[in-house]
Amino acid sequence: MGITPDMQVIRTAIEGNSLQQMRAKEDRAKEAGEQSILLGPHKSKGEDRRFVRKGSVGGWRTKLNQAQLRLIDQYAGDMLDRLGYERGLVNEQQAEPEVSTLGV
């Protein structure tokens, strides 16, 4: 591409987006009263109410219902394949029962 990467900018971006940093940013935004679809009120309590959860590999598959997994597969499935990731519908038994695609 003819672009020389700035390693300091890359390091700063990585450090600023670690799981701990992302959770801290989420906490600060909530404390400041910021509202968004991601920071909006949640019915659940504790860790489940967070947007930035545990950061476990593939954890999203167990949090999304079948309709949500199908949407991801529909819109991002080919890209997931090209990048070497498994699609969300690979292990359908782990997903929550289908309810609604709203409220993600």
Foldseek 3Di string as FASTA:
>chain_A
DPDDDDVVVVVVVPVCPDLVNVVVVLVVCVVVVHDDLQNHDDPDDDQVRHSSHDPDVPPVLLEAEPVLLVVCCVPPVVVCVVVVHDRSCPPNVNYDHDDDNPSD
